Amino acid sequence: MRPSPLIALALLSLSLVGFTSQGQPVDILPEADECATCVMAIENLPVASELTLRDGDVKKFDDIGCMAQYVKRKRLKESAIKGMFVHDLPSGRWVPLERATLVKSSYPTPMRYGIVAFATPAGAKKMAAKYKPKLVSWADVLKGI
């Protein structure tokens, strides 16, 4: 018997919350690399993200929401994932997803998911009030996609 899509999603969300990234992110080449979900050229590096699979395959995304969409669509399990990385919005540096503070906001991301990442909670708190920020977890992001 196969679980319902809602139960499968809940299990996927729970399984991804506690994984530990390994390895390093691969540089994204602006306008040369395409998003693995929406196939748009990746132009806005501060909101780009990346997923490294255990088989060595690297998936790049123009929006953190696109990475969540990919994880859900492919029903990726923790055992298949080597690392997930996001950019710290202020500095543009890579941060492992499990160490990042995610914010859902009105910030204009490429696919309008509005999810941005910060290296620290303090960085997230500095986000301009005009973007109406709300702290979210990766599980929240997956649920909202």
Foldseek 3Di string as FASTA:
>chain_A
DDDDLVVLLLVQLVQPQDADADDDDDDQDAQPDAAPQPRGGQHDLQAKKWWAFPVGDIGIHNHVLSVLVVCSVVVDGSNGTRFIWHAANVPSDIDTQNQWWWKAWQPDGPVRRRIGTHNDVVSVVPPDCVGVIDTDHSSRSNVVD
